Amino acid sequence: MVTQTESNLLTMRKLAIVAVGMFGFGFALIPFYQKICEVTGVNNVLKADTVGNTQIDTARMVTIEFDSNLSGKLPWSFRPLQTNVRVHPGELTTVMYEIRNNADHAVTGQAIPSYGPQIAIRYFKKLECFCFTQQTLKPGEAREMPVVFVLEHGLPADINTITLSYSFFEIEGTARKAS
């Protein structure tokens, strides 16, 4: 017969095993997600895209809107210098974003892009982007950062506007080291 104390100890062991398992799963999820993105080519923010057809389609114009967001505790100002541009598919376009560290210490962040509508990710090819690398800003430092892109042919005809949104997240553990 199992006593109440033994039963409690058994329950605590099970809870500890579940907690350790969940921690391990959460820890392994990041490299697993990165590998899936690498294999599928989705949300790959670490390298430039390749462009197949660079002929400009002068018969079509698409509006590209730009948005910027910061994670709740990142002490930066971040904004696009243009809120939108009109481009022809195949046209090489450069837009600039401005970023400023408002903290009294160096801070490192990483930008993650997102697209609306989501299908646009297949046709929006970034050749240069600040999102390819982590950005470290010294106290009070400001900089302008380019995004060079081409909108590839094949974008469905009913899509006339694409929104490119960047969200910056602080890279934990780097704020004090970067000083």
Protein backbone atom coordinates (compact mmCIF):
# COMPACT_ATOMS: atom_id res chain seq x y z
CA MET A 1 0.00 0.00 0.00
CA VAL A 2 1.28 3.47 -0.96
CA THR A 3 1.25 6.16 1.71
CA GLN A 4 0.17 9.74 1.08
CA THR A 5 3.80 10.94 1.35
CA GLU A 6 5.00 8.40 -1.19
CA SER A 7 2.14 9.37 -3.51
CA ASN A 8 3.08 13.05 -3.20
CA LEU A 9 6.74 12.26 -3.95
CA LEU A 10 5.73 10.25 -7.02
CA THR A 11 3.55 13.13 -8.24
CA MET A 12 6.37 15.63 -7.68
CA ARG A 13 8.80 13.43 -9.65
CA LYS A 14 6.34 13.22 -12.53
CA LEU A 15 5.90 17.01 -12.48
CA ALA A 16 9.67 17.51 -12.43
CA ILE A 17 10.11 15.16 -15.38
CA VAL A 18 7.38 17.00 -17.31
CA ALA A 19 8.94 20.39 -16.48
CA VAL A 20 12.42 19.25 -17.59
CA GLY A 21 10.91 17.74 -20.74
CA MET A 22 9.04 20.96 -21.57
CA PHE A 23 12.18 23.03 -20.99
CA GLY A 24 14.14 20.73 -23.30
CA PHE A 25 11.41 20.91 -25.93
CA GLY A 26 11.36 24.72 -25.74
CA PHE A 27 15.13 24.89 -25.97
CA ALA A 28 15.23 22.54 -28.99
CA LEU A 29 12.37 24.34 -30.75
CA ILE A 30 14.50 27.30 -31.89
CA PRO A 31 17.12 25.34 -33.89
CA PHE A 32 14.36 23.01 -35.13
CA TYR A 33 12.34 26.02 -36.41
CA GLN A 34 15.45 27.53 -38.02
CA LYS A 35 16.21 24.25 -39.80
CA ILE A 36 12.63 23.97 -41.11
CA CYS A 37 12.81 27.55 -42.40
CA GLU A 38 16.18 26.84 -44.04
CA VAL A 39 14.93 23.70 -45.77
CA THR A 40 11.65 25.24 -46.95
CA GLY A 41 13.15 28.66 -47.75
CA VAL A 42 10.47 30.37 -45.66
CA ASN A 43 11.36 33.31 -43.41
CA ASN A 44 15.08 32.99 -44.09
CA VAL A 45 16.36 36.28 -42.71
CA LEU A 46 20.04 35.42 -42.68
CA LYS A 47 20.89 35.68 -46.37
CA ALA A 48 20.00 37.55 -49.52
CA ASP A 49 17.41 36.19 -51.93
CA THR A 50 18.20 35.29 -55.51
CA VAL A 51 16.30 36.94 -58.33
CA GLY A 52 15.40 35.06 -61.49
CA ASN A 53 13.82 37.52 -63.91
CA THR A 54 15.02 41.13 -63.74
CA GLN A 55 13.02 42.50 -66.66
CA ILE A 56 10.85 45.41 -65.58
CA ASP A 57 7.12 45.04 -66.14
CA THR A 58 6.17 48.66 -66.94
CA ALA A 59 2.52 47.67 -67.44
CA ARG A 60 1.97 47.03 -63.73
CA MET A 61 2.45 49.06 -60.55
CA VAL A 62 2.36 47.67 -57.02
CA THR A 63 2.30 49.76 -53.84
CA ILE A 64 4.70 48.61 -51.14
CA GLU A 65 3.85 49.90 -47.65
CA PHE A 66 6.45 49.88 -44.86
CA ASP A 67 5.85 49.33 -41.17
CA SER A 68 8.12 49.08 -38.14
CA ASN A 69 7.64 47.63 -34.66
CA LEU A 70 9.74 47.16 -31.55
CA SER A 71 9.43 44.50 -28.88
CA GLY A 72 8.07 45.93 -25.64
CA LYS A 73 11.37 46.45 -23.82
CA LEU A 74 13.71 47.40 -26.67
CA PRO A 75 14.85 50.99 -25.94
CA TRP A 76 15.09 52.04 -29.59
CA SER A 77 13.26 54.30 -32.02
CA PHE A 78 12.68 52.63 -35.37
CA ARG A 79 10.86 53.86 -38.46
CA PRO A 80 10.86 53.72 -42.26
CA LEU A 81 11.93 56.98 -43.90
CA GLN A 82 9.24 56.37 -46.54
CA THR A 83 5.85 54.95 -45.63
CA ASN A 84 5.27 53.55 -49.13
CA VAL A 85 6.61 53.34 -52.68
CA ARG A 86 5.06 52.36 -56.01
CA VAL A 87 7.18 49.91 -58.01
CA HIS A 88 7.07 47.94 -61.21
CA PRO A 89 7.73 44.19 -60.85
CA GLY A 90 11.39 43.58 -61.74
CA GLU A 91 12.46 47.08 -60.69
CA LEU A 92 15.36 47.32 -58.24
CA THR A 93 14.22 49.50 -55.32
CA THR A 94 15.99 50.85 -52.23
CA VAL A 95 14.23 52.18 -49.14
CA MET A 96 15.77 53.35 -45.89
CA TYR A 97 14.88 52.74 -42.26
CA GLU A 98 16.14 54.83 -39.37
CA ILE A 99 17.05 53.38 -36.00
CA ARG A 100 18.23 55.01 -32.77
CA ASN A 101 19.34 53.56 -29.44
CA ASN A 102 17.72 55.63 -26.67
CA ALA A 103 19.44 53.68 -23.88
CA ASP A 104 22.57 54.64 -21.93
CA HIS A 105 24.23 51.35 -22.90
CA ALA A 106 24.84 49.36 -26.08
CA VAL A 107 21.96 47.17 -27.22
CA THR A 108 21.85 44.43 -29.86
CA GLY A 109 18.70 43.61 -31.79
CA GLN A 110 17.51 41.46 -34.68
CA ALA A 111 14.80 42.44 -37.15
CA ILE A 112 12.31 39.87 -38.40
CA PRO A 113 10.29 40.68 -41.54
CA SER A 114 6.67 39.79 -42.18
CA TYR A 115 4.52 40.34 -45.24
CA GLY A 116 0.90 41.05 -45.95
CA PRO A 117 -0.62 39.34 -47.76
CA GLN A 118 1.46 36.35 -46.76
CA ILE A 119 1.73 35.04 -50.33
CA ALA A 120 3.89 38.09 -51.13
CA ILE A 121 6.89 36.42 -49.45
CA ARG A 122 7.28 34.30 -52.59
CA TYR A 123 7.70 37.38 -54.83
CA PHE A 124 9.40 39.92 -52.54
CA LYS A 125 13.14 39.33 -52.95
CA LYS A 126 15.51 41.20 -50.63
CA LEU A 127 19.05 41.63 -51.97
CA GLU A 128 20.30 43.73 -49.05
CA CYS A 129 18.66 44.11 -45.67
CA PHE A 130 19.54 45.03 -42.11
CA CYS A 131 17.50 41.98 -41.12
CA PHE A 132 20.28 39.68 -42.38
CA THR A 133 22.46 40.46 -39.35
CA GLN A 134 22.13 41.50 -35.73
CA GLN A 135 22.43 45.24 -35.18
CA THR A 136 24.40 46.60 -32.23
CA LEU A 137 23.92 50.27 -31.42
CA LYS A 138 26.03 52.22 -28.95
CA PRO A 139 24.31 54.54 -26.45
CA GLY A 140 22.53 57.31 -28.39
CA GLU A 141 23.72 55.97 -31.76
CA ALA A 142 21.49 56.44 -34.79
CA ARG A 143 21.87 55.03 -38.28
CA GLU A 144 20.06 54.68 -41.55
CA MET A 145 19.79 51.17 -42.92
CA PRO A 146 18.83 50.16 -46.47
CA VAL A 147 16.51 47.51 -47.77
CA VAL A 148 17.19 46.72 -51.44
CA PHE A 149 14.53 44.57 -53.07
CA VAL A 150 12.93 43.42 -56.29
CA LEU A 151 9.32 42.37 -56.66
CA GLU A 152 9.46 39.32 -58.92
CA HIS A 153 7.05 38.61 -61.76
CA GLY A 154 4.22 36.20 -61.08
CA LEU A 155 2.60 38.11 -58.21
CA PRO A 156 -1.13 37.40 -58.55
CA ALA A 157 -2.91 40.17 -60.47
CA ASP A 158 -5.38 40.85 -57.65
CA ILE A 159 -2.55 41.90 -55.30
CA ASN A 160 -1.90 45.61 -55.75
CA THR A 161 -0.52 46.40 -52.30
CA ILE A 162 2.06 44.60 -50.18
CA THR A 163 2.96 45.53 -46.62
CA LEU A 164 6.50 44.83 -45.43
CA SER A 165 6.68 44.99 -41.66
CA TYR A 166 9.83 44.66 -39.56
CA SER A 167 9.77 43.83 -35.87
CA PHE A 168 12.98 44.35 -33.90
CA PHE A 169 13.67 42.14 -30.90
CA GLU A 170 16.45 42.55 -28.37
CA ILE A 171 19.06 39.80 -28.38
CA GLU A 172 19.15 38.88 -24.71
CA GLY A 173 22.50 38.76 -22.95
CA THR A 174 24.26 41.10 -25.38
CA ALA A 175 23.31 44.52 -23.99
CA ARG A 176 26.10 44.83 -21.43
CA LYS A 177 28.68 42.77 -23.36
CA ALA A 178 28.46 45.05 -26.41
CA SER A 179 29.36 48.17 -24.37
